[in-house]
Protein backbone atom coordinates (compact mmCIF):
# COMPACT_ATOMS: atom_id res chain seq x y z
CA MET A 1 26.58 -4.16 0.53
CA PRO A 2 27.08 -7.40 2.54
CA ALA A 3 27.10 -10.84 0.83
CA LEU A 4 23.91 -12.62 1.11
CA VAL A 5 24.91 -15.66 3.90
CA VAL A 6 22.03 -17.81 4.15
CA THR A 7 20.51 -19.83 7.56
CA ALA A 8 19.02 -22.34 7.69
CA LEU A 9 15.81 -22.48 9.40
CA ALA A 10 15.64 -23.89 13.15
CA ASP A 11 13.41 -26.83 13.57
CA PRO A 12 10.50 -26.46 15.55
CA GLY A 13 10.98 -29.30 17.40
CA ALA A 14 14.49 -29.58 18.05
CA ALA A 15 15.86 -29.47 21.91
CA GLY A 16 15.76 -25.79 23.17
CA VAL A 17 13.41 -24.76 20.83
CA ARG A 18 9.87 -23.89 21.97
CA ALA A 19 6.91 -25.12 19.89
CA ALA A 20 4.89 -23.14 17.76
CA ASP A 21 1.70 -21.17 19.63
CA THR A 22 -1.54 -23.09 18.10
CA THR A 23 -4.39 -21.21 16.59
CA SER A 24 -7.19 -21.00 18.76
CA PRO A 25 -10.04 -23.33 18.80
CA VAL A 26 -12.36 -20.27 18.43
CA GLU A 27 -10.15 -19.09 14.89
CA GLN A 28 -10.43 -23.18 14.21
CA LYS A 29 -13.50 -23.84 14.98
CA ARG A 30 -14.39 -20.50 12.84
CA VAL A 31 -12.01 -21.70 9.01
CA ASP A 32 -12.40 -25.55 9.73
CA SER A 33 -16.39 -25.75 9.59
CA VAL A 34 -16.28 -24.44 5.96
CA PRO A 35 -16.27 -27.35 3.89
CA THR A 36 -13.22 -27.43 1.46
CA PRO A 37 -14.11 -25.32 -1.92
CA LYS A 38 -13.79 -27.05 -5.54
CA LEU A 39 -12.62 -24.32 -7.60
CA GLY A 40 -13.63 -24.63 -11.23
CA TRP A 41 -10.18 -22.87 -12.45
CA TYR A 42 -11.00 -21.90 -16.34
CA LYS A 43 -8.36 -19.93 -19.03
CA CYS A 44 -7.95 -16.47 -18.50
CA TYR A 45 -6.67 -13.30 -19.57
CA GLY A 46 -3.98 -15.60 -21.58
CA ASN A 47 -1.63 -17.29 -18.97
CA ALA A 48 -4.08 -16.68 -16.32
CA GLU A 49 -6.99 -19.30 -14.72
CA CYS A 50 -9.24 -18.00 -12.21
CA ALA A 51 -11.75 -18.62 -10.57
CA THR A 52 -14.93 -17.56 -7.91
CA VAL A 53 -15.48 -19.19 -4.33
CA ARG A 54 -18.43 -18.43 -2.26
CA LEU A 55 -17.50 -17.85 1.40
CA PRO A 56 -19.09 -17.13 4.48
CA LEU A 57 -19.77 -13.19 4.98
CA ASP A 58 -20.24 -14.04 8.75
CA TYR A 59 -17.81 -16.86 9.50
CA ASP A 60 -19.43 -17.54 12.84
CA ASP A 61 -22.27 -19.02 10.52
CA PRO A 62 -20.85 -20.82 8.03
CA LYS A 63 -23.75 -22.30 6.67
CA GLY A 64 -25.99 -18.44 6.12
CA ALA A 65 -25.28 -15.88 3.80
CA THR A 66 -21.49 -15.78 1.65
CA THR A 67 -20.35 -13.31 -0.32
CA GLU A 68 -18.25 -13.90 -3.73
CA ILE A 69 -14.19 -13.89 -3.56
CA ALA A 70 -12.24 -13.91 -7.15
CA VAL A 71 -9.39 -15.96 -7.11
CA LEU A 72 -6.40 -15.80 -10.19
CA ARG A 73 -3.03 -17.62 -10.51
CA ILE A 74 -0.51 -18.38 -12.65
CA LYS A 75 0.75 -21.83 -12.57
CA ALA A 76 3.97 -22.83 -11.78
CA ARG A 77 7.08 -23.48 -14.83
CA ASN A 78 8.20 -26.26 -13.22
CA ALA A 79 5.54 -28.60 -12.45
CA LYS A 80 7.86 -31.48 -11.40
CA LYS A 81 9.22 -29.08 -9.41
CA ARG A 82 6.52 -27.31 -7.53
CA ILE A 83 6.39 -26.46 -4.35
CA GLY A 84 3.05 -25.32 -3.81
CA SER A 85 0.98 -22.12 -4.03
CA LEU A 86 2.65 -18.57 -3.27
CA PHE A 87 -0.47 -16.49 -2.15
CA VAL A 88 -0.01 -12.67 -3.13
CA ASN A 89 -1.51 -9.56 -1.81
CA PRO A 90 -0.53 -5.69 -3.15
CA GLY A 91 -1.82 -3.59 -0.32
CA GLY A 92 -4.15 -0.44 0.32
CA PRO A 93 -6.28 -1.44 1.61
CA GLY A 94 -8.67 -1.96 -1.46
CA GLY A 95 -6.20 -3.05 -4.40
CA GLN A 96 -5.98 -6.14 -6.25
CA GLY A 97 -4.65 -9.79 -5.06
CA THR A 98 -5.69 -11.30 -8.77
CA ALA A 99 -3.83 -7.65 -10.28
CA LEU A 100 -1.19 -8.72 -8.68
CA ALA A 101 -0.50 -12.12 -9.46
CA TYR A 102 -1.32 -11.35 -12.61
CA GLN A 103 1.47 -9.75 -13.04
CA ALA A 104 3.91 -11.76 -11.40
CA PRO A 105 6.30 -12.55 -14.34
CA ASP A 106 6.97 -9.07 -14.66
CA PHE A 107 8.24 -8.69 -11.32
CA LEU A 108 8.98 -12.14 -9.60
CA GLY A 109 12.60 -13.96 -10.11
CA ALA A 110 12.53 -17.50 -12.11
CA ASP A 111 12.84 -19.38 -9.32
CA VAL A 112 9.96 -18.21 -7.89
CA LEU A 113 8.02 -18.64 -11.09
CA ASP A 114 9.30 -21.82 -11.53
CA ARG A 115 8.27 -23.48 -8.32
CA PHE A 116 4.89 -21.52 -7.17
CA ASP A 117 1.87 -21.06 -8.66
CA ILE A 118 1.61 -17.43 -7.76
CA VAL A 119 -2.12 -17.00 -6.44
CA GLY A 120 -3.87 -13.87 -5.89
CA PHE A 121 -7.52 -13.09 -3.97
CA ASP A 122 -9.21 -10.00 -4.53
CA PRO A 123 -10.08 -9.33 -0.50
CA ARG A 124 -14.14 -9.20 0.44
CA GLY A 125 -15.88 -5.91 -0.99
CA ILE A 126 -12.82 -5.27 -3.88
CA GLY A 127 -12.40 -5.44 -7.53
CA PHE A 128 -13.47 -8.83 -9.11
CA SER A 129 -14.83 -10.04 -5.99
CA ASP A 130 -18.31 -8.74 -4.68
CA ASN A 131 -18.47 -5.36 -4.29
CA VAL A 132 -19.22 -3.36 -1.17
CA ALA A 133 -20.81 -0.24 -2.47
CA CYS A 134 -21.79 2.75 0.62
CA PHE A 135 -24.06 4.42 -2.43
CA LYS A 136 -26.89 4.23 -4.32
CA SER A 137 -25.49 5.20 -7.26
CA THR A 138 -22.65 7.52 -8.61
CA LYS A 139 -24.63 10.27 -8.73
CA ASP A 140 -25.30 10.17 -4.88
CA GLN A 141 -21.26 9.62 -4.53
CA THR A 142 -20.26 12.22 -6.35
CA LEU A 143 -22.58 14.40 -4.81
CA ALA A 144 -21.52 13.27 -1.41
CA LEU A 145 -18.09 13.45 -1.51
CA ALA A 146 -17.17 16.41 -3.76
CA GLY A 147 -15.48 17.99 -0.36
CA LEU A 148 -12.74 15.57 -0.73
CA ASP A 149 -11.15 17.04 -3.66
CA VAL A 150 -8.26 18.03 -2.64
CA ALA A 151 -5.01 16.31 -1.46
CA PHE A 152 -6.12 17.32 1.94
CA PRO A 153 -7.38 20.25 3.27
CA VAL A 154 -6.17 23.52 3.96
CA GLY A 155 -8.04 26.74 5.87
CA ALA A 156 -11.57 26.52 7.78
CA LYS A 157 -13.44 25.74 4.83
CA GLN A 158 -12.02 23.26 3.05
CA GLU A 159 -11.85 21.63 6.72
CA ALA A 160 -16.01 22.05 7.16
CA ALA A 161 -16.44 20.76 3.35
CA TYR A 162 -14.27 17.96 4.13
CA ILE A 163 -15.58 16.72 7.16
CA LYS A 164 -18.78 16.74 5.68
CA SER A 165 -18.42 15.01 3.08
CA ALA A 166 -16.19 11.94 4.62
CA LYS A 167 -18.87 11.90 7.81
CA ALA A 168 -21.58 10.75 4.32
CA LEU A 169 -19.01 8.33 3.67
CA GLY A 170 -18.92 7.09 7.24
CA LYS A 171 -22.41 7.18 6.95
CA GLY A 172 -23.33 5.45 3.62
CA CYS A 173 -20.99 3.22 4.12
CA SER A 174 -22.30 2.32 7.98
CA THR A 175 -26.24 1.94 6.60
CA THR A 176 -26.10 1.90 2.45
CA GLY A 177 -23.00 -0.80 2.57
CA LYS A 178 -23.32 -2.28 5.82
CA LYS A 179 -24.01 -5.61 5.41
CA LEU A 180 -20.54 -6.06 3.84
CA ALA A 181 -18.54 -2.89 4.97
CA GLY A 182 -19.51 -4.39 8.63
CA ALA A 183 -17.35 -8.21 7.17
CA MET A 184 -14.77 -6.27 5.41
CA SER A 185 -12.17 -6.54 8.37
CA THR A 186 -8.48 -7.39 7.90
CA ALA A 187 -9.70 -10.55 9.94
CA GLN A 188 -11.81 -11.79 7.69
CA ALA A 189 -9.46 -11.52 4.51
CA ALA A 190 -7.18 -13.76 6.91
CA ARG A 191 -10.02 -16.57 7.42
CA ASP A 192 -10.44 -16.12 3.49
CA MET A 193 -7.13 -17.03 2.79
CA ASP A 194 -6.67 -19.51 5.36
CA VAL A 195 -9.91 -21.20 3.20
CA LEU A 196 -8.44 -20.59 0.15
CA ARG A 197 -5.04 -22.50 1.40
CA ARG A 198 -6.71 -25.63 1.87
CA ALA A 199 -8.81 -25.06 -1.64
CA VAL A 200 -5.30 -25.48 -3.76
CA GLY A 201 -4.27 -28.21 -1.49
CA ASP A 202 -1.54 -26.44 0.52
CA LYS A 203 -1.06 -28.10 3.96
CA THR A 204 0.63 -25.13 5.20
CA LEU A 205 0.66 -21.14 4.22
CA SER A 206 3.76 -19.46 1.89
CA TYR A 207 3.12 -15.63 1.43
CA LEU A 208 4.26 -12.43 0.17
CA GLY A 209 2.41 -9.35 0.80
CA PHE A 210 3.37 -5.24 0.00
CA SER A 211 2.87 -2.58 1.69
CA TYR A 212 -1.07 -3.21 3.83
CA GLY A 213 -0.62 -6.59 2.85
CA THR A 214 2.55 -6.96 5.36
CA ALA A 215 -1.07 -6.92 8.29
CA LEU A 216 -2.30 -9.02 6.17
CA GLY A 217 0.22 -11.51 6.40
CA GLN A 218 0.88 -10.79 10.20
CA TYR A 219 -2.78 -11.57 10.68
CA TYR A 220 -2.97 -14.79 9.22
CA ALA A 221 0.32 -15.49 11.43
CA ASN A 222 -1.27 -14.65 14.40
CA MET A 223 -4.24 -16.03 13.96
CA PHE A 224 -3.35 -19.11 12.15
CA PRO A 225 0.73 -19.28 13.41
CA ASP A 226 0.99 -23.21 13.58
CA ARG A 227 0.05 -23.09 9.25
CA LEU A 228 2.77 -21.18 8.13
CA ARG A 229 5.40 -22.26 5.75
CA VAL A 230 7.23 -18.76 4.71
CA SER A 231 5.61 -15.58 4.82
CA ALA A 232 7.47 -12.20 3.45
CA VAL A 233 6.76 -8.68 4.41
CA ASP A 234 7.34 -5.58 2.46
CA GLY A 235 6.76 -2.30 3.28
CA VAL A 236 5.53 -3.24 6.98
CA ILE A 237 2.51 -1.75 8.94
CA ASN A 238 2.91 -2.02 12.56
CA PRO A 239 -0.35 -4.18 13.42
CA VAL A 240 -1.07 -2.74 16.99
CA SER A 241 -0.67 0.88 15.99
CA TRP A 242 -2.94 -0.35 12.96
CA THR A 243 -5.39 -1.18 15.15
CA GLY A 244 -5.01 1.17 17.72
CA THR A 245 -5.01 0.44 21.61
CA PRO A 246 -6.79 2.22 24.59
CA LYS A 247 -4.03 4.44 25.22
CA THR A 248 -3.96 5.46 21.45
CA ALA A 249 -7.70 5.56 20.23
CA ASP A 250 -7.90 9.33 20.25
CA GLN A 251 -4.76 9.30 18.25
CA THR A 252 -5.00 9.85 14.30
CA LEU A 253 -4.27 6.67 12.60
CA ASP A 254 -1.01 7.87 11.51
CA ASP A 255 -0.08 9.29 14.69
CA ARG A 256 0.19 5.75 15.03
CA LEU A 257 1.17 4.91 12.04
CA LEU A 258 3.62 7.75 11.33
CA SER A 259 3.83 7.63 7.60
CA ALA A 260 4.16 11.11 7.11
CA ASP A 261 7.08 11.44 9.07
CA GLY A 262 8.55 8.83 6.87
CA ALA A 263 8.04 10.67 3.82
CA TYR A 264 9.15 13.86 5.22
CA LYS A 265 12.54 12.02 6.13
CA ALA A 266 12.37 11.61 2.86
CA LEU A 267 12.10 14.71 1.38
CA ARG A 268 14.47 16.21 3.15
CA GLU A 269 16.94 14.09 2.86
CA ILE A 270 16.48 14.21 -1.27
CA LEU A 271 16.59 18.45 -0.34
CA VAL A 272 19.51 18.07 1.52
CA ARG A 273 21.34 15.82 -0.85
CA CYS A 274 20.07 18.12 -3.89
CA GLY A 275 22.25 21.07 -1.92
CA LYS A 276 25.26 18.50 -1.83
CA ALA A 277 25.29 17.55 -5.22
CA GLY A 278 25.41 21.08 -6.46
CA LYS A 279 23.11 22.75 -9.21
CA THR A 280 25.17 20.49 -12.20
CA LYS A 281 22.90 17.22 -10.85
CA CYS A 282 20.17 19.21 -9.38
CA GLN A 283 18.43 22.02 -10.80
CA PHE A 284 17.14 23.25 -7.47
CA ALA A 285 20.45 23.64 -6.01
CA ALA A 286 20.87 26.83 -8.78
CA TYR A 287 18.78 29.16 -6.10
CA GLY A 288 20.11 28.15 -2.61
CA ASP A 289 19.45 25.95 -0.22
CA PRO A 290 17.32 23.45 -1.05
CA VAL A 291 15.20 22.69 2.20
CA LYS A 292 14.82 26.57 3.21
CA ASN A 293 13.78 27.19 -0.42
CA PHE A 294 11.36 24.18 -0.59
CA ASP A 295 9.27 25.88 2.37
CA VAL A 296 9.69 29.41 1.09
CA LEU A 297 7.74 27.66 -2.26
CA ALA A 298 5.65 26.09 0.23
CA LYS A 299 4.36 29.00 1.83
CA ARG A 300 4.23 30.95 -1.19
CA LEU A 301 1.21 28.56 -2.49
CA LYS A 302 -0.08 28.66 0.55
CA THR A 303 -0.56 32.56 0.37
CA LYS A 304 -1.43 32.26 -3.21
CA PRO A 305 -1.50 29.10 -5.65
CA ALA A 306 -0.18 29.00 -8.63
CA ASP A 307 -2.06 30.22 -12.50
CA ILE A 308 -0.57 27.33 -14.66
CA ASP A 309 -1.65 28.04 -18.21
CA GLY A 310 -5.39 28.41 -16.19
CA MET A 311 -4.97 25.07 -13.63
CA LYS A 312 -4.62 26.38 -9.97
CA VAL A 313 -1.26 24.38 -8.49
CA THR A 314 -2.09 24.99 -4.33
CA TYR A 315 -0.38 24.06 -1.23
CA ALA A 316 -1.96 21.14 -1.00
CA ASP A 317 -1.49 20.34 -4.67
CA LEU A 318 2.35 20.36 -3.85
CA ILE A 319 2.42 18.35 -1.39
CA GLY A 320 0.21 15.90 -2.46
CA GLY A 321 2.13 15.89 -5.54
CA MET A 322 5.42 15.36 -3.73
CA LEU A 323 4.19 12.48 -2.24
CA GLY A 324 3.10 10.73 -4.96
CA PHE A 325 6.72 11.07 -6.10
CA LEU A 326 8.26 9.64 -2.79
CA TYR A 327 6.51 6.47 -3.86
CA LEU A 328 8.93 6.06 -6.44
CA PRO A 329 12.68 4.67 -6.36
CA ASP A 330 13.47 7.78 -9.03
CA GLY A 331 10.98 9.79 -7.93
CA TYR A 332 13.75 12.33 -6.66
CA GLU A 333 14.38 13.35 -10.29
CA ILE A 334 10.77 14.23 -11.06
CA VAL A 335 10.53 16.43 -7.26
CA ASP A 336 13.77 18.26 -8.29
CA ALA A 337 12.28 19.08 -11.74
CA MET A 338 8.74 20.14 -10.80
CA VAL A 339 9.66 21.95 -7.60
CA THR A 340 12.04 23.94 -10.00
CA ASP A 341 9.49 25.12 -12.81
CA LEU A 342 7.38 25.72 -9.61
CA TRP A 343 9.60 27.94 -8.11
CA LYS A 344 10.73 29.72 -11.54
CA ALA A 345 7.08 29.87 -12.35
CA THR A 346 6.09 31.62 -9.10
CA SER A 347 9.71 33.43 -8.44
CA SER A 348 9.55 37.65 -8.69
CA THR A 349 13.13 37.10 -9.62
CA SER A 350 12.27 34.95 -12.67
CA THR A 351 12.66 37.08 -16.55
CA ALA A 352 9.20 36.28 -17.84
CA ALA A 353 10.54 34.33 -20.54
CA GLU A 354 11.34 31.88 -17.46
CA ALA A 355 8.44 32.06 -15.89
CA ALA A 356 7.00 31.45 -18.79
CA ALA A 357 9.18 28.32 -20.36
CA ALA A 358 8.27 26.58 -16.45
CA ARG A 359 4.68 27.29 -16.49
CA LYS A 360 4.89 26.09 -19.96
CA ALA A 361 7.31 21.94 -18.87
CA LEU A 362 4.59 22.07 -15.99
CA ALA A 363 1.27 22.38 -18.27
CA ALA A 364 3.05 19.63 -20.49
CA ARG A 365 3.83 17.49 -17.08
CA ILE A 366 0.38 17.90 -15.84
CA ALA A 367 -1.26 17.53 -19.22
CA GLN A 368 0.86 13.84 -19.52
CA ARG A 369 -0.19 12.46 -16.31
CA ARG A 370 -3.81 13.03 -16.75
CA ALA A 371 -3.44 11.30 -19.70
CA GLU A 372 -1.62 8.52 -18.30
CA VAL A 373 -4.25 8.68 -15.30
CA GLU A 374 -7.61 8.62 -17.85
CA GLN A 375 -5.87 5.66 -19.75
CA GLN A 376 -5.33 3.79 -16.75
CA LYS A 377 -9.44 4.48 -16.08
CA LYS A 378 -10.75 3.45 -19.15
CA SER A 379 -8.35 0.10 -18.90
CA ALA A 380 -9.84 -0.43 -16.16
CA GLN A 381 -13.63 0.10 -17.20
CA LYS A 382 -12.91 -1.88 -20.34
CA ILE A 383 -12.02 -4.90 -17.72
CA LEU A 384 -14.62 -4.29 -15.12
CA ASP A 385 -17.56 -2.43 -16.63
CA PHE A 386 -18.51 -1.26 -13.41
CA PRO A 387 -19.00 2.90 -13.65
CA TYR A 388 -19.01 3.12 -10.08
CA ASP A 389 -15.50 3.44 -7.97
CA ASN A 390 -15.73 2.05 -5.12
CA SER A 391 -11.82 2.28 -3.86
CA LEU A 392 -12.85 4.88 -1.06
CA ASP A 393 -15.07 2.79 0.07
CA ALA A 394 -12.73 -0.54 0.30
CA PHE A 395 -10.11 1.22 1.74
CA SER A 396 -12.33 3.21 4.62
CA SER A 397 -14.73 -0.27 5.23
CA VAL A 398 -11.19 -2.16 6.28
CA VAL A 399 -9.44 0.73 7.44
CA CYS A 400 -12.54 1.96 9.70
CA THR A 401 -13.53 -1.44 11.46
CA ASP A 402 -10.29 -2.26 12.27
CA GLY A 403 -9.11 -0.21 14.45
CA LEU A 404 -9.87 2.30 16.73
CA HIS A 405 -10.30 6.06 15.76
CA PRO A 406 -11.03 9.45 17.53
CA LYS A 407 -14.88 9.95 18.58
CA LYS A 408 -15.50 13.41 16.89
CA ALA A 409 -14.66 14.03 12.83
CA GLY A 410 -14.45 17.53 14.35
CA ASN A 411 -11.75 16.79 16.09
CA TRP A 412 -8.99 16.42 13.17
CA PRO A 413 -8.60 19.93 11.80
CA ALA A 414 -6.20 20.36 15.21
CA LEU A 415 -5.28 16.95 15.35
CA THR A 416 -3.71 17.09 12.42
CA ALA A 417 -2.47 20.49 12.89
CA ALA A 418 -0.37 18.95 15.74
CA SER A 419 0.38 15.91 13.26
CA ASP A 420 1.81 18.70 10.79
CA LYS A 421 4.07 20.29 12.90
CA ARG A 422 5.92 16.96 14.30
CA ALA A 423 5.87 16.19 10.57
CA PRO A 424 5.36 19.22 8.57
CA TYR A 425 3.84 18.95 4.98
CA PHE A 426 2.74 15.46 5.65
CA GLY A 427 1.30 15.64 8.45
CA ARG A 428 -2.33 17.08 7.62
CA ALA A 429 -1.73 14.54 3.59
CA TRP A 430 -1.53 11.37 6.14
CA GLY A 431 -3.88 12.50 8.75
CA TRP A 432 -6.97 13.14 6.63
CA SER A 433 -6.85 10.02 5.37
CA SER A 434 -8.66 8.38 8.01
CA VAL A 435 -11.04 11.23 9.53
CA GLN A 436 -14.70 9.10 7.82
CA CYS A 437 -13.49 6.60 10.67
CA ALA A 438 -14.32 8.90 13.49
CA GLY A 439 -17.14 7.28 15.80
CA ASP A 440 -19.43 10.33 15.20
CA ALA A 441 -19.40 8.88 11.09
CA TRP A 442 -18.76 5.63 11.08
CA THR A 443 -21.01 3.28 13.31
CA VAL A 444 -20.76 0.02 11.37
CA ARG A 445 -18.67 -2.76 13.30
CA ASP A 446 -17.02 -5.91 12.25
CA GLU A 447 -18.01 -7.95 15.93
CA ASP A 448 -15.31 -10.63 14.41
CA ALA A 449 -12.51 -8.77 13.91
CA TYR A 450 -9.13 -9.47 15.03
CA THR A 451 -7.42 -7.01 17.56
CA GLY A 452 -4.48 -9.05 19.08
CA PRO A 453 -2.50 -10.30 20.10
CA PHE A 454 0.33 -9.80 17.96
CA ASN A 455 2.90 -11.33 19.66
CA ARG A 456 2.66 -15.46 18.73
CA ARG A 457 5.41 -17.69 17.85
CA THR A 458 4.67 -18.82 14.70
CA ASN A 459 6.14 -22.08 13.21
CA ALA A 460 8.22 -20.90 10.59
CA PRO A 461 9.73 -17.56 10.46
CA VAL A 462 8.23 -14.64 9.28
CA LEU A 463 10.75 -12.42 7.53
CA PHE A 464 10.26 -8.29 7.43
CA VAL A 465 11.37 -6.09 4.97
CA GLY A 466 12.10 -2.02 5.27
CA ASN A 467 13.63 0.43 3.77
CA TYR A 468 14.87 3.73 5.28
CA TYR A 469 12.91 5.90 3.16
CA ASP A 470 9.41 4.79 2.36
CA PRO A 471 6.85 7.58 2.54
CA ALA A 472 3.97 5.11 3.47
CA THR A 473 5.10 2.45 5.70
CA ASN A 474 8.22 4.01 8.14
CA TYR A 475 10.77 2.17 8.58
CA VAL A 476 10.32 1.65 12.26
CA ASP A 477 7.29 0.13 11.95
CA ALA A 478 9.29 -2.45 10.39
CA VAL A 479 11.47 -3.08 13.09
CA SER A 480 9.07 -2.42 16.26
CA SER A 481 6.81 -5.59 14.31
CA SER A 482 9.53 -7.24 13.80
CA LYS A 483 9.98 -7.35 17.51
CA LEU A 484 6.66 -8.53 18.16
CA LEU A 485 6.85 -12.47 16.61
CA PRO A 486 8.94 -14.28 18.34
CA ASN A 487 9.99 -16.24 15.46
CA SER A 488 11.29 -13.65 12.86
CA ARG A 489 14.24 -12.05 10.99
CA LEU A 490 14.19 -8.43 10.34
CA LEU A 491 15.72 -7.75 6.33
CA SER A 492 16.88 -3.42 5.68
CA SER A 493 17.24 -1.34 2.40
CA ASP A 494 19.03 1.41 2.09
CA SER A 495 16.72 2.26 -0.33
CA TRP A 496 13.62 4.39 -2.10
CA GLY A 497 10.20 4.68 -2.98
CA HIS A 498 7.54 1.97 -1.32
CA THR A 499 8.80 -1.13 -0.58
CA ALA A 500 11.55 -2.58 -1.28
CA TYR A 501 11.50 -5.51 -3.33
CA GLY A 502 12.67 -5.23 -6.68
CA THR A 503 15.27 -1.90 -5.96
CA SER A 504 18.60 -4.28 -5.13
CA ALA A 505 19.59 -7.99 -6.00
CA CYS A 506 20.31 -8.06 -2.69
CA VAL A 507 16.60 -7.58 -1.42
CA THR A 508 15.34 -9.38 -4.07
CA LYS A 509 17.50 -12.86 -3.76
CA ALA A 510 17.19 -12.48 0.14
CA VAL A 511 13.34 -12.37 -0.30
CA ASP A 512 13.20 -15.05 -3.30
CA GLY A 513 15.93 -17.27 -1.83
CA TYR A 514 13.25 -17.30 1.82
CA LEU A 515 10.32 -17.98 -0.66
CA VAL A 516 11.76 -20.96 -2.23
CA ASN A 517 13.47 -22.43 0.02
CA GLY A 518 13.01 -21.36 3.57
CA THR A 519 16.42 -19.32 4.32
CA LEU A 520 16.92 -16.50 6.49
CA PRO A 521 19.34 -14.12 5.33
CA PRO A 522 22.01 -12.72 8.34
CA VAL A 523 20.67 -11.02 11.20
CA GLY A 524 21.40 -7.36 10.64
CA THR A 525 21.86 -7.32 6.84
CA VAL A 526 21.19 -4.24 5.39
CA CYS A 527 21.24 -4.04 1.47
CA VAL A 528 21.96 -0.80 -0.76
CA GLY A 529 19.14 0.32 -3.28
CA ASP A 530 20.56 0.42 -6.71
CA ILE A 531 19.58 3.96 -7.28
CA GLN A 532 20.30 6.14 -4.63
CA PRO A 533 19.26 10.46 -5.55
CA PHE A 534 21.92 12.53 -7.50
CA ALA A 535 24.79 9.45 -7.33
CA LYS A 536 27.56 10.07 -9.80
CA ASP A 537 26.49 7.36 -12.23
CA PRO A 538 22.69 7.02 -11.04
CA GLU A 539 21.41 3.39 -12.24
CA PRO A 540 18.21 3.36 -14.56
CA ALA A 541 15.21 2.46 -12.51
CA LEU A 542 12.88 -0.47 -13.55
CA ASP A 543 9.57 0.43 -14.59
CA THR A 544 6.53 -0.65 -12.55
CA ARG A 545 4.18 -2.04 -15.01
CA GLY A 546 0.99 -0.89 -13.75
CA PRO A 547 -0.71 -0.28 -10.82
CA ALA A 548 -2.84 -3.33 -8.52
CA ASP A 549 -5.98 -2.79 -10.41
CA ALA A 550 -8.01 -4.69 -13.18
CA SER A 551 -6.55 -2.27 -15.45
CA ALA A 552 -3.47 -4.52 -15.64
CA MET A 553 -5.45 -6.80 -17.42
CA ALA A 554 -5.89 -4.45 -19.99
CA THR A 555 -2.55 -5.66 -21.39
CA GLN A 556 -0.57 -9.27 -22.20
CA VAL A 557 2.18 -10.22 -19.33
CA GLY A 558 4.57 -11.86 -21.01
CA ALA A 559 6.59 -15.08 -19.22
CA ALA A 560 10.53 -14.08 -18.83
CA GLY A 561 10.45 -13.92 -14.53
CA ASN A 562 13.54 -11.62 -15.05
CA GLY A 563 12.94 -9.38 -12.61
CA ALA A 564 12.30 -6.23 -15.42
CA LYS A 565 9.31 -4.52 -12.95
CA LEU A 566 8.92 -3.41 -10.37
CA PRO A 567 5.85 -5.18 -8.01
CA PRO A 568 3.01 -3.22 -8.90
CA VAL A 569 1.92 -2.35 -5.19
CA ALA A 570 -1.71 -0.44 -4.14
CA THR A 571 -1.15 2.65 -2.78
CA ARG A 572 -3.05 5.49 -1.75
CA VAL A 573 -3.05 8.15 -4.30
CA PRO A 574 -3.34 11.46 -3.38
CA THR A 575 -5.59 13.91 -5.30
CA SER A 576 -2.95 16.45 -6.56
CA VAL A 577 -2.73 18.55 -9.85
CA LEU A 578 0.71 17.35 -10.42
CA LEU A 579 -0.41 13.77 -10.49
CA GLY A 580 -3.13 14.40 -12.85
CA THR A 581 -5.55 12.71 -10.62
CA ARG A 582 -7.46 16.28 -9.46
């Protein structure tokens, strides 16, 4: 692991250094014409403070309709050395910034917690903020979205049902949910964050964003390039790929982002290392080449779903499950256990006793995961008291209004089939996630969405963090995004799971040092994750405290600040029996 040497930030006014670009007059007028809100903080959830603020629904009409935004902070532990506020976002889109801020003492380092108020806000339409609702009732929503109850569709019948439900979602958000769905682009969240920056008394923004939160960070940096103090983005989305261009408008979102390629890279590498480690370290290696046998298992389930104590495990369940497990740094252990049991449960060479034992083990794991998912839902409902689940509405309202998408939903079967050839297994799994954004499904637009440029010179460097085996935000996006911003730095991590913060002291110290002191890791720094699949002496994985939603507030957070957990990044969890979500 390379030693971490810090590099001081260049003085923007020094000779030979080009001055930062400035916020455009249009954006200045939009945000600066909004009076600085007064946040009426009150104690909430034990150690936290909460507030709500009403911000313009349309920044071109600052005195018009408003939407309520929920904000939560954990105050700096050392008031005398306080730097200011650190805004955080967990991604999604649809994750709650309030939940990430609330859990900050579990995953952020002591220096960060000492020096910053940790501030999270729920982007408009999400969580504790005014919610977008694309259907008039839970009943209407449930009936309309019935075709989406698979990780992704396989075969013409499922594809037709999936497209029908996706179109219903697009229509619902473009009619019933139009008022808010048409005002939820990432640019609106960036404008909200700039006003909130003023509200907490900061002259410039300090920011830490994960996953889709990296898009928000890059939007802010390009819309307000002279208003940054520091911005660290981990698990990077390339904003040009996110929005699309006239040349890429006919591509699905993932054909631009290449998340599927990242997921396949991670799964294949795990299977390759499984074979090299042998059956003493990896159970699945006992049956031959793991790469070839995974394909055999996948084709077996595509032909005939496995019957696991009355539960059907389909090909889509397998791939959706694998994707979900790849989000974890130690997910390789679950991948090995699940595919081994599925192999034994479906193989003609297994004895009756072996097959029965495998089915029993699988059923127990599925039951455990279903119980965990149900408990999470119950915890969230205790806090929110809101039975309508708007997570897909919120996700879509951002994705579909931010960028360009193919014109016809009926083109998705062919488009995702091609994606699957490029990125086996996961091309369909990722590709179908944006079908509701098709031009003949989603018609509401946000006229003030930001589409670039994304290469403006900021007054402070942006730190991009990418890990080699991220199954959701491909490492290549971190590389390409860092090249877009002239004043930026890339920190690479040879690690596993989604995002890199917390996977090694090297990454965590580099990010913390940058946030607190404004120092950058040396050019070309590559950290190595503590957990490597089937290593001789595997390190114990850090726990992820919980999802980035209201269920987090159901339990008390400590004030340790010892980085004992991984950050609760908001993820798109596939619908899969193996994950307990179907």
